[in-house]
Amino acid sequence: MQLLVKVKLLEVVGDFPKTHSVITLLELLYKVTRDERIKRFIRENKVKLARLVDAYISSRYFVREFYKEEAEEALNLLKELKTC
């Protein structure tokens, strides 16, 4: 999801910030595009997005077991973002 948003920012702005926070990236994408679908996606999924950011950080720096349901939720969120 993070890379998908970075690609879109690269297309629109020509650059993207060096962050792994999908929330920060989506908020920036909304600021530059003013696409209300992005704003709605962030608003409706903020908790899920925050969990995704936490999962990224914890998987990168700590040993943590993930559950199938967490992966399914992340994949569903990605599918939803792709329809925006």
N, C-alpha and C. Protein backbone atom coordinates (compact mmCIF):
# COMPACT_ATOMS: atom_id res chain seq x y z
N MET A 1 0.83 -1.18 0.00
CA MET A 1 0.00 0.00 0.00
C MET A 1 0.88 1.25 0.00
N GLN A 2 1.90 1.20 0.83
CA GLN A 2 2.83 2.32 0.92
C GLN A 2 3.45 2.62 -0.45
N LEU A 3 3.89 1.60 -1.14
CA LEU A 3 4.53 1.80 -2.44
C LEU A 3 3.53 2.28 -3.49
N LEU A 4 2.30 1.81 -3.40
CA LEU A 4 1.26 2.26 -4.32
C LEU A 4 1.03 3.77 -4.19
N VAL A 5 0.97 4.25 -2.96
CA VAL A 5 0.75 5.68 -2.72
C VAL A 5 1.99 6.47 -3.14
N LYS A 6 3.17 5.93 -2.89
CA LYS A 6 4.40 6.63 -3.30
C LYS A 6 4.47 6.76 -4.82
N VAL A 7 4.07 5.73 -5.54
CA VAL A 7 4.05 5.80 -7.01
C VAL A 7 3.11 6.91 -7.46
N LYS A 8 1.93 6.99 -6.85
CA LYS A 8 0.97 8.02 -7.22
C LYS A 8 1.52 9.41 -6.94
N LEU A 9 2.18 9.57 -5.78
CA LEU A 9 2.80 10.85 -5.46
C LEU A 9 3.90 11.19 -6.46
N LEU A 10 4.66 10.20 -6.86
CA LEU A 10 5.71 10.42 -7.85
C LEU A 10 5.12 10.90 -9.17
N GLU A 11 3.99 10.32 -9.57
CA GLU A 11 3.32 10.73 -10.80
C GLU A 11 2.79 12.16 -10.70
N VAL A 12 2.20 12.49 -9.56
CA VAL A 12 1.54 13.79 -9.41
C VAL A 12 2.51 14.91 -9.05
N VAL A 13 3.42 14.62 -8.12
CA VAL A 13 4.30 15.66 -7.59
C VAL A 13 5.72 15.55 -8.14
N GLY A 14 6.13 14.34 -8.46
CA GLY A 14 7.50 14.13 -8.92
C GLY A 14 8.43 13.69 -7.82
N ASP A 15 7.90 13.53 -6.61
CA ASP A 15 8.71 13.11 -5.47
C ASP A 15 7.77 12.62 -4.37
N PHE A 16 8.34 12.04 -3.34
CA PHE A 16 7.56 11.62 -2.18
C PHE A 16 8.46 11.68 -0.96
N PRO A 17 7.86 11.88 0.22
CA PRO A 17 8.68 11.94 1.44
C PRO A 17 9.24 10.57 1.80
N LYS A 18 10.35 10.59 2.49
CA LYS A 18 10.99 9.34 2.91
C LYS A 18 10.37 8.88 4.23
N THR A 19 9.17 8.38 4.14
CA THR A 19 8.45 7.87 5.30
C THR A 19 7.80 6.56 4.93
N HIS A 20 7.54 5.75 5.95
CA HIS A 20 6.85 4.49 5.73
C HIS A 20 5.40 4.56 6.21
N SER A 21 5.00 5.71 6.73
CA SER A 21 3.65 5.87 7.24
C SER A 21 2.66 6.06 6.09
N VAL A 22 1.84 5.06 5.90
CA VAL A 22 0.85 5.14 4.83
C VAL A 22 -0.17 6.26 5.11
N ILE A 23 -0.41 6.55 6.36
CA ILE A 23 -1.33 7.65 6.71
C ILE A 23 -0.74 8.98 6.26
N THR A 24 0.52 9.22 6.58
CA THR A 24 1.19 10.45 6.18
C THR A 24 1.20 10.59 4.66
N LEU A 25 1.50 9.50 3.98
CA LEU A 25 1.54 9.52 2.52
C LEU A 25 0.17 9.80 1.92
N LEU A 26 -0.85 9.16 2.46
CA LEU A 26 -2.21 9.40 1.95
C LEU A 26 -2.66 10.83 2.21
N GLU A 27 -2.33 11.36 3.39
CA GLU A 27 -2.69 12.74 3.70
C GLU A 27 -2.01 13.71 2.73
N LEU A 28 -0.76 13.44 2.40
CA LEU A 28 -0.06 14.29 1.44
C LEU A 28 -0.69 14.16 0.05
N LEU A 29 -1.03 12.93 -0.33
CA LEU A 29 -1.68 12.73 -1.62
C LEU A 29 -3.00 13.49 -1.69
N TYR A 30 -3.75 13.48 -0.59
CA TYR A 30 -5.00 14.25 -0.57
C TYR A 30 -4.71 15.75 -0.71
N LYS A 31 -3.69 16.25 0.00
CA LYS A 31 -3.38 17.68 -0.06
C LYS A 31 -3.04 18.13 -1.48
N VAL A 32 -2.35 17.29 -2.23
CA VAL A 32 -1.95 17.72 -3.57
C VAL A 32 -3.02 17.46 -4.62
N THR A 33 -3.89 16.50 -4.38
CA THR A 33 -4.92 16.18 -5.38
C THR A 33 -6.30 16.73 -5.03
N ARG A 34 -6.55 16.93 -3.74
CA ARG A 34 -7.87 17.33 -3.25
C ARG A 34 -8.96 16.34 -3.68
N ASP A 35 -8.56 15.11 -3.84
CA ASP A 35 -9.50 14.04 -4.22
C ASP A 35 -10.27 13.61 -2.98
N GLU A 36 -11.55 13.90 -2.96
CA GLU A 36 -12.38 13.61 -1.79
C GLU A 36 -12.47 12.11 -1.50
N ARG A 37 -12.25 11.26 -2.49
CA ARG A 37 -12.26 9.82 -2.25
C ARG A 37 -11.12 9.42 -1.33
N ILE A 38 -9.98 10.07 -1.47
CA ILE A 38 -8.84 9.79 -0.61
C ILE A 38 -9.13 10.25 0.81
N LYS A 39 -9.70 11.45 0.93
CA LYS A 39 -10.05 11.98 2.25
C LYS A 39 -11.03 11.05 2.96
N ARG A 40 -12.04 10.58 2.22
CA ARG A 40 -13.03 9.66 2.78
C ARG A 40 -12.38 8.33 3.19
N PHE A 41 -11.49 7.83 2.34
CA PHE A 41 -10.80 6.58 2.63
C PHE A 41 -10.00 6.69 3.93
N ILE A 42 -9.29 7.79 4.10
CA ILE A 42 -8.51 8.01 5.32
C ILE A 42 -9.45 8.06 6.52
N ARG A 43 -10.51 8.86 6.41
CA ARG A 43 -11.45 9.04 7.53
C ARG A 43 -12.10 7.72 7.93
N GLU A 44 -12.53 6.94 6.95
CA GLU A 44 -13.24 5.70 7.23
C GLU A 44 -12.32 4.57 7.69
N ASN A 45 -11.03 4.68 7.42
CA ASN A 45 -10.12 3.57 7.70
C ASN A 45 -8.93 3.95 8.59
N LYS A 46 -9.03 5.06 9.30
CA LYS A 46 -7.89 5.56 10.07
C LYS A 46 -7.36 4.54 11.07
N VAL A 47 -8.23 3.84 11.75
CA VAL A 47 -7.79 2.86 12.75
C VAL A 47 -7.09 1.68 12.06
N LYS A 48 -7.65 1.21 10.97
CA LYS A 48 -7.03 0.11 10.23
C LYS A 48 -5.68 0.54 9.66
N LEU A 49 -5.61 1.76 9.16
CA LEU A 49 -4.35 2.27 8.62
C LEU A 49 -3.30 2.40 9.72
N ALA A 50 -3.72 2.85 10.89
CA ALA A 50 -2.79 2.96 12.02
C ALA A 50 -2.27 1.58 12.42
N ARG A 51 -3.15 0.58 12.41
CA ARG A 51 -2.70 -0.79 12.71
C ARG A 51 -1.71 -1.27 11.66
N LEU A 52 -1.93 -0.89 10.42
CA LEU A 52 -1.02 -1.28 9.35
C LEU A 52 0.36 -0.64 9.54
N VAL A 53 0.39 0.62 9.93
CA VAL A 53 1.65 1.30 10.21
C VAL A 53 2.35 0.61 11.38
N ASP A 54 1.61 0.30 12.44
CA ASP A 54 2.18 -0.42 13.58
C ASP A 54 2.73 -1.78 13.17
N ALA A 55 2.01 -2.47 12.31
CA ALA A 55 2.46 -3.79 11.86
C ALA A 55 3.76 -3.66 11.07
N TYR A 56 3.84 -2.65 10.24
CA TYR A 56 5.06 -2.44 9.46
C TYR A 56 6.25 -2.21 10.39
N ILE A 57 6.08 -1.31 11.34
CA ILE A 57 7.17 -0.97 12.26
C ILE A 57 7.57 -2.17 13.10
N SER A 58 6.57 -2.85 13.65
CA SER A 58 6.90 -3.98 14.52
C SER A 58 7.52 -5.14 13.74
N SER A 59 7.11 -5.35 12.50
CA SER A 59 7.70 -6.44 11.72
C SER A 59 9.12 -6.11 11.29
N ARG A 60 9.40 -4.85 11.17
CA ARG A 60 10.74 -4.44 10.74
C ARG A 60 11.75 -4.45 11.88
N TYR A 61 11.30 -4.10 13.08
CA TYR A 61 12.23 -3.91 14.18
C TYR A 61 12.09 -4.91 15.32
N PHE A 62 11.02 -5.68 15.34
CA PHE A 62 10.79 -6.61 16.44
C PHE A 62 10.34 -7.96 15.88
N VAL A 63 10.44 -8.96 16.74
CA VAL A 63 9.89 -10.25 16.38
C VAL A 63 8.44 -10.25 16.86
N ARG A 64 7.54 -10.44 15.95
CA ARG A 64 6.12 -10.42 16.30
C ARG A 64 5.38 -11.41 15.43
N GLU A 65 4.47 -12.13 16.03
CA GLU A 65 3.64 -13.06 15.28
C GLU A 65 2.41 -12.32 14.77
N PHE A 66 2.10 -12.55 13.51
CA PHE A 66 0.91 -11.94 12.92
C PHE A 66 -0.14 -13.02 12.68
N TYR A 67 -1.37 -12.61 12.72
CA TYR A 67 -2.48 -13.53 12.53
C TYR A 67 -3.02 -13.41 11.11
N LYS A 68 -3.59 -14.49 10.66
CA LYS A 68 -4.17 -14.54 9.33
C LYS A 68 -5.18 -13.41 9.13
N GLU A 69 -5.97 -13.14 10.14
CA GLU A 69 -6.99 -12.10 10.06
C GLU A 69 -6.36 -10.72 9.84
N GLU A 70 -5.20 -10.49 10.44
CA GLU A 70 -4.51 -9.21 10.23
C GLU A 70 -4.08 -9.05 8.78
N ALA A 71 -3.54 -10.12 8.22
CA ALA A 71 -3.12 -10.09 6.81
C ALA A 71 -4.32 -9.90 5.90
N GLU A 72 -5.41 -10.59 6.19
CA GLU A 72 -6.62 -10.45 5.38
C GLU A 72 -7.16 -9.03 5.44
N GLU A 73 -7.14 -8.44 6.64
CA GLU A 73 -7.61 -7.06 6.78
C GLU A 73 -6.74 -6.11 5.96
N ALA A 74 -5.43 -6.31 6.00
CA ALA A 74 -4.51 -5.47 5.23
C ALA A 74 -4.76 -5.61 3.74
N LEU A 75 -4.96 -6.83 3.27
CA LEU A 75 -5.22 -7.06 1.85
C LEU A 75 -6.55 -6.44 1.42
N ASN A 76 -7.56 -6.55 2.27
CA ASN A 76 -8.85 -5.93 1.96
C ASN A 76 -8.74 -4.41 1.89
N LEU A 77 -7.94 -3.86 2.78
CA LEU A 77 -7.72 -2.40 2.79
C LEU A 77 -7.01 -1.97 1.49
N LEU A 78 -6.04 -2.76 1.06
CA LEU A 78 -5.35 -2.47 -0.19
C LEU A 78 -6.30 -2.52 -1.38
N LYS A 79 -7.16 -3.54 -1.40
CA LYS A 79 -8.15 -3.64 -2.49
C LYS A 79 -9.06 -2.43 -2.51
N GLU A 80 -9.46 -2.00 -1.32
CA GLU A 80 -10.34 -0.83 -1.23
C GLU A 80 -9.63 0.43 -1.72
N LEU A 81 -8.36 0.58 -1.35
CA LEU A 81 -7.60 1.75 -1.80
C LEU A 81 -7.46 1.76 -3.32
N LYS A 82 -7.26 0.62 -3.91
CA LYS A 82 -7.11 0.53 -5.36
C LYS A 82 -8.36 0.99 -6.10
N THR A 83 -9.51 0.93 -5.46
CA THR A 83 -10.75 1.37 -6.12
C THR A 83 -10.98 2.87 -5.99
N CYS A 84 -10.17 3.54 -5.16
CA CYS A 84 -10.30 5.01 -5.00
C CYS A 84 -9.87 5.73 -6.25
